[in-house]
């Protein structure tokens, strides 16, 4: 039973190692702006996900979203992230 449950669990997204973050510290935020992020997976092609940025620096962005099993987060390259407009937002 345990093996069956393990095999049915979705794989966690690929995340960048801390060495990729560079020398600048990650700035964490409570505001969590909405973004589109290209997320890589070990078992399927990369996909563009509607997420929220929780922290970033000049190289990387930590993004989070609600997945099938709850909140998921991963660190991606900054170039893989673009701002996402929200209904009613201006500018």
N, C-alpha and C. Protein backbone atom coordinates (compact mmCIF):
# COMPACT_ATOMS: atom_id res chain seq x y z
N UNK A 1 0.83 -1.20 0.00
CA UNK A 1 0.00 0.00 0.00
C UNK A 1 0.87 1.26 0.00
N UNK A 2 1.86 1.30 0.89
CA UNK A 2 2.73 2.48 0.99
C UNK A 2 3.44 2.72 -0.34
N UNK A 3 3.92 1.65 -1.00
CA UNK A 3 4.60 1.79 -2.28
C UNK A 3 3.66 2.33 -3.34
N UNK A 4 2.42 1.90 -3.35
CA UNK A 4 1.44 2.40 -4.31
C UNK A 4 1.19 3.89 -4.11
N UNK A 5 1.03 4.31 -2.87
CA UNK A 5 0.81 5.73 -2.58
C UNK A 5 2.01 6.54 -3.02
N UNK A 6 3.22 6.05 -2.72
CA UNK A 6 4.44 6.77 -3.10
C UNK A 6 4.52 6.92 -4.61
N UNK A 7 4.20 5.85 -5.35
CA UNK A 7 4.28 5.90 -6.81
C UNK A 7 3.22 6.81 -7.42
N UNK A 8 2.12 7.06 -6.73
CA UNK A 8 1.06 7.92 -7.26
C UNK A 8 1.26 9.38 -6.89
N UNK A 9 2.20 9.69 -5.99
CA UNK A 9 2.43 11.07 -5.60
C UNK A 9 3.09 11.82 -6.75
N UNK A 10 2.63 13.03 -7.03
CA UNK A 10 3.29 13.81 -8.08
C UNK A 10 4.71 14.18 -7.66
N UNK A 11 5.60 14.23 -8.62
CA UNK A 11 6.99 14.59 -8.34
C UNK A 11 7.07 16.06 -7.93
N UNK A 12 8.01 16.36 -7.06
CA UNK A 12 8.25 17.74 -6.66
C UNK A 12 8.93 18.48 -7.81
N UNK A 13 8.71 19.78 -7.94
CA UNK A 13 9.37 20.53 -9.01
C UNK A 13 10.88 20.58 -8.78
N UNK A 14 11.61 20.76 -9.86
CA UNK A 14 13.05 20.95 -9.75
C UNK A 14 13.30 22.34 -9.16
N UNK A 15 14.30 22.46 -8.32
CA UNK A 15 14.64 23.74 -7.73
C UNK A 15 16.12 24.01 -7.92
N UNK A 16 16.49 25.26 -7.96
CA UNK A 16 17.89 25.62 -8.13
C UNK A 16 18.65 25.42 -6.83
N UNK A 17 19.91 25.02 -6.91
CA UNK A 17 20.71 24.87 -5.70
C UNK A 17 21.09 26.25 -5.16
N UNK A 18 21.38 26.31 -3.90
CA UNK A 18 21.70 27.59 -3.26
C UNK A 18 22.92 28.26 -3.91
N UNK A 19 23.83 27.49 -4.48
CA UNK A 19 25.00 28.07 -5.14
C UNK A 19 24.59 28.95 -6.33
N UNK A 20 23.42 28.70 -6.92
CA UNK A 20 22.94 29.48 -8.06
C UNK A 20 22.42 30.85 -7.64
N UNK A 21 22.13 31.03 -6.36
CA UNK A 21 21.55 32.29 -5.89
C UNK A 21 22.48 33.47 -6.06
N UNK A 22 23.78 33.23 -6.09
CA UNK A 22 24.75 34.32 -6.22
C UNK A 22 25.00 35.00 -4.88
N UNK A 23 25.77 36.10 -4.91
CA UNK A 23 26.17 36.76 -3.68
C UNK A 23 25.08 37.65 -3.04
N UNK A 24 24.12 38.11 -3.83
CA UNK A 24 23.09 38.99 -3.28
C UNK A 24 22.09 38.19 -2.47
N UNK A 25 21.70 38.69 -1.30
CA UNK A 25 20.72 37.96 -0.48
C UNK A 25 19.34 37.97 -1.14
N UNK A 26 18.57 36.94 -0.85
CA UNK A 26 17.18 36.88 -1.32
C UNK A 26 16.36 37.81 -0.43
N UNK A 27 15.58 38.68 -1.06
CA UNK A 27 14.67 39.59 -0.33
C UNK A 27 13.30 38.92 -0.27
N UNK A 28 12.86 38.62 0.93
CA UNK A 28 11.56 37.95 1.12
C UNK A 28 10.48 39.00 1.31
N UNK A 29 9.27 38.71 0.85
CA UNK A 29 8.17 39.66 0.94
C UNK A 29 6.89 38.98 1.39
N UNK A 30 6.06 39.73 2.07
CA UNK A 30 4.74 39.22 2.47
C UNK A 30 3.69 39.56 1.42
N UNK A 31 4.02 40.48 0.52
CA UNK A 31 3.05 40.94 -0.49
C UNK A 31 2.76 39.89 -1.55
N UNK A 32 3.72 39.06 -1.89
CA UNK A 32 3.56 37.97 -2.85
C UNK A 32 2.92 38.42 -4.17
N UNK A 33 3.62 39.20 -4.97
CA UNK A 33 3.05 39.64 -6.25
C UNK A 33 2.76 38.45 -7.17
N UNK A 34 1.68 38.53 -7.96
CA UNK A 34 1.35 37.45 -8.88
C UNK A 34 2.31 37.42 -10.06
N UNK A 35 2.73 36.22 -10.44
CA UNK A 35 3.68 36.05 -11.54
C UNK A 35 3.31 34.83 -12.38
N UNK A 36 3.87 34.79 -13.58
CA UNK A 36 3.90 33.57 -14.39
C UNK A 36 5.31 33.02 -14.23
N UNK A 37 5.45 31.73 -13.97
CA UNK A 37 6.77 31.14 -13.80
C UNK A 37 6.89 29.86 -14.60
N UNK A 38 7.99 29.70 -15.29
CA UNK A 38 8.29 28.45 -15.96
C UNK A 38 8.94 27.54 -14.94
N UNK A 39 8.30 26.42 -14.67
CA UNK A 39 8.75 25.48 -13.65
C UNK A 39 9.16 24.17 -14.33
N UNK A 40 10.32 23.65 -13.96
CA UNK A 40 10.81 22.38 -14.49
C UNK A 40 10.44 21.24 -13.55
N UNK A 41 10.21 20.08 -14.15
CA UNK A 41 9.83 18.88 -13.40
C UNK A 41 10.76 17.74 -13.79
N UNK A 42 11.01 16.81 -12.88
CA UNK A 42 11.89 15.69 -13.21
C UNK A 42 11.22 14.64 -14.10
N UNK A 43 9.89 14.63 -14.13
CA UNK A 43 9.17 13.56 -14.82
C UNK A 43 8.26 14.02 -15.95
N UNK A 44 8.34 15.31 -16.32
CA UNK A 44 7.51 15.82 -17.40
C UNK A 44 8.09 17.15 -17.91
N UNK A 45 7.59 17.64 -19.04
CA UNK A 45 8.12 18.91 -19.57
C UNK A 45 7.86 20.09 -18.63
N UNK A 46 8.68 21.12 -18.79
CA UNK A 46 8.47 22.36 -18.03
C UNK A 46 7.11 22.92 -18.37
N UNK A 47 6.51 23.63 -17.41
CA UNK A 47 5.21 24.25 -17.67
C UNK A 47 5.15 25.64 -17.05
N UNK A 48 4.34 26.48 -17.67
CA UNK A 48 4.13 27.84 -17.19
C UNK A 48 3.01 27.80 -16.16
N UNK A 49 3.29 28.30 -14.97
CA UNK A 49 2.36 28.21 -13.86
C UNK A 49 2.03 29.60 -13.33
N UNK A 50 0.75 29.82 -13.03
CA UNK A 50 0.34 31.05 -12.34
C UNK A 50 0.74 30.87 -10.88
N UNK A 51 1.62 31.73 -10.42
CA UNK A 51 2.19 31.59 -9.07
C UNK A 51 2.28 32.96 -8.41
N UNK A 52 2.90 32.98 -7.24
CA UNK A 52 3.19 34.23 -6.54
C UNK A 52 4.66 34.21 -6.14
N UNK A 53 5.32 35.35 -6.29
CA UNK A 53 6.72 35.48 -5.90
C UNK A 53 6.79 35.75 -4.40
N UNK A 54 7.59 34.97 -3.70
CA UNK A 54 7.72 35.16 -2.25
C UNK A 54 9.07 35.73 -1.87
N UNK A 55 10.01 35.71 -2.80
CA UNK A 55 11.34 36.26 -2.55
C UNK A 55 12.14 36.26 -3.83
N UNK A 56 13.16 37.13 -3.92
CA UNK A 56 13.96 37.21 -5.14
C UNK A 56 15.23 37.99 -4.89
N UNK A 57 16.14 37.83 -5.82
CA UNK A 57 17.32 38.69 -5.92
C UNK A 57 17.60 38.90 -7.40
N UNK A 58 18.82 39.30 -7.75
CA UNK A 58 19.10 39.58 -9.16
C UNK A 58 19.21 38.33 -10.03
N UNK A 59 19.25 37.14 -9.42
CA UNK A 59 19.40 35.90 -10.20
C UNK A 59 18.22 34.94 -10.12
N UNK A 60 17.57 34.89 -8.97
CA UNK A 60 16.56 33.85 -8.75
C UNK A 60 15.28 34.42 -8.15
N UNK A 61 14.19 33.66 -8.28
CA UNK A 61 12.90 34.03 -7.68
C UNK A 61 12.33 32.77 -7.02
N UNK A 62 11.85 32.91 -5.81
CA UNK A 62 11.12 31.83 -5.16
C UNK A 62 9.65 32.04 -5.48
N UNK A 63 9.04 31.02 -6.10
CA UNK A 63 7.63 31.12 -6.46
C UNK A 63 6.84 30.06 -5.71
N UNK A 64 5.57 30.37 -5.43
CA UNK A 64 4.70 29.40 -4.77
C UNK A 64 3.32 29.43 -5.41
N UNK A 65 2.65 28.29 -5.34
CA UNK A 65 1.30 28.15 -5.88
C UNK A 65 0.62 27.02 -5.14
N UNK A 66 -0.68 26.91 -5.35
CA UNK A 66 -1.45 25.82 -4.74
C UNK A 66 -1.53 24.68 -5.76
N UNK A 67 -0.98 23.54 -5.41
CA UNK A 67 -1.00 22.37 -6.27
C UNK A 67 -2.02 21.35 -5.76
N UNK A 68 -1.97 20.17 -6.34
CA UNK A 68 -2.90 19.10 -5.96
C UNK A 68 -2.78 18.70 -4.49
N UNK A 69 -1.58 18.86 -3.92
CA UNK A 69 -1.36 18.42 -2.54
C UNK A 69 -1.10 19.58 -1.59
N UNK A 70 -1.50 20.79 -1.97
CA UNK A 70 -1.31 21.95 -1.11
C UNK A 70 -0.33 22.94 -1.70
N UNK A 71 0.25 23.76 -0.84
CA UNK A 71 1.18 24.80 -1.29
C UNK A 71 2.49 24.17 -1.76
N UNK A 72 2.93 24.60 -2.94
CA UNK A 72 4.18 24.13 -3.53
C UNK A 72 5.05 25.36 -3.76
N UNK A 73 6.35 25.23 -3.53
CA UNK A 73 7.25 26.33 -3.86
C UNK A 73 8.55 25.79 -4.41
N UNK A 74 9.20 26.61 -5.19
CA UNK A 74 10.49 26.24 -5.77
C UNK A 74 11.24 27.51 -6.16
N UNK A 75 12.53 27.37 -6.32
CA UNK A 75 13.37 28.49 -6.72
C UNK A 75 13.69 28.32 -8.20
N UNK A 76 13.43 29.37 -9.00
CA UNK A 76 13.67 29.34 -10.45
C UNK A 76 14.54 30.53 -10.84
N UNK A 77 15.10 30.47 -12.06
CA UNK A 77 15.87 31.59 -12.57
C UNK A 77 14.97 32.81 -12.73
N UNK A 78 15.49 33.97 -12.48
CA UNK A 78 14.70 35.20 -12.60
C UNK A 78 14.15 35.38 -14.02
N UNK A 79 14.90 34.97 -15.03
CA UNK A 79 14.44 35.10 -16.41
C UNK A 79 13.26 34.19 -16.74
N UNK A 80 12.94 33.25 -15.86
CA UNK A 80 11.80 32.34 -16.06
C UNK A 80 10.50 32.90 -15.48
N UNK A 81 10.55 34.13 -14.97
CA UNK A 81 9.40 34.72 -14.27
C UNK A 81 9.02 36.05 -14.89
N UNK A 82 7.71 36.26 -15.10
CA UNK A 82 7.19 37.55 -15.53
C UNK A 82 6.01 37.91 -14.65
N UNK A 83 5.79 39.20 -14.50
CA UNK A 83 4.64 39.66 -13.70
C UNK A 83 3.34 39.26 -14.37
N UNK A 84 2.36 38.97 -13.54
CA UNK A 84 1.03 38.58 -14.01
C UNK A 84 0.06 39.63 -13.51
N UNK A 85 -0.76 40.16 -14.42
CA UNK A 85 -1.74 41.15 -13.99
C UNK A 85 -2.92 40.44 -13.32
N UNK A 86 -3.53 41.14 -12.39
CA UNK A 86 -4.69 40.60 -11.70
C UNK A 86 -5.91 41.43 -12.08
N UNK A 87 -7.10 40.84 -12.05
CA UNK A 87 -8.31 41.61 -12.37
C UNK A 87 -8.40 42.85 -11.49
N UNK A 88 -8.69 43.97 -12.13
CA UNK A 88 -8.84 45.22 -11.39
C UNK A 88 -7.55 45.95 -11.14
N UNK A 89 -6.41 45.34 -11.52
CA UNK A 89 -5.13 45.99 -11.33
C UNK A 89 -4.93 47.07 -12.38
N UNK A 90 -4.23 48.11 -12.02
CA UNK A 90 -3.93 49.17 -12.98
C UNK A 90 -2.45 49.22 -13.23
N UNK A 91 -2.07 49.73 -14.41
CA UNK A 91 -0.67 49.93 -14.74
C UNK A 91 0.00 48.69 -15.06
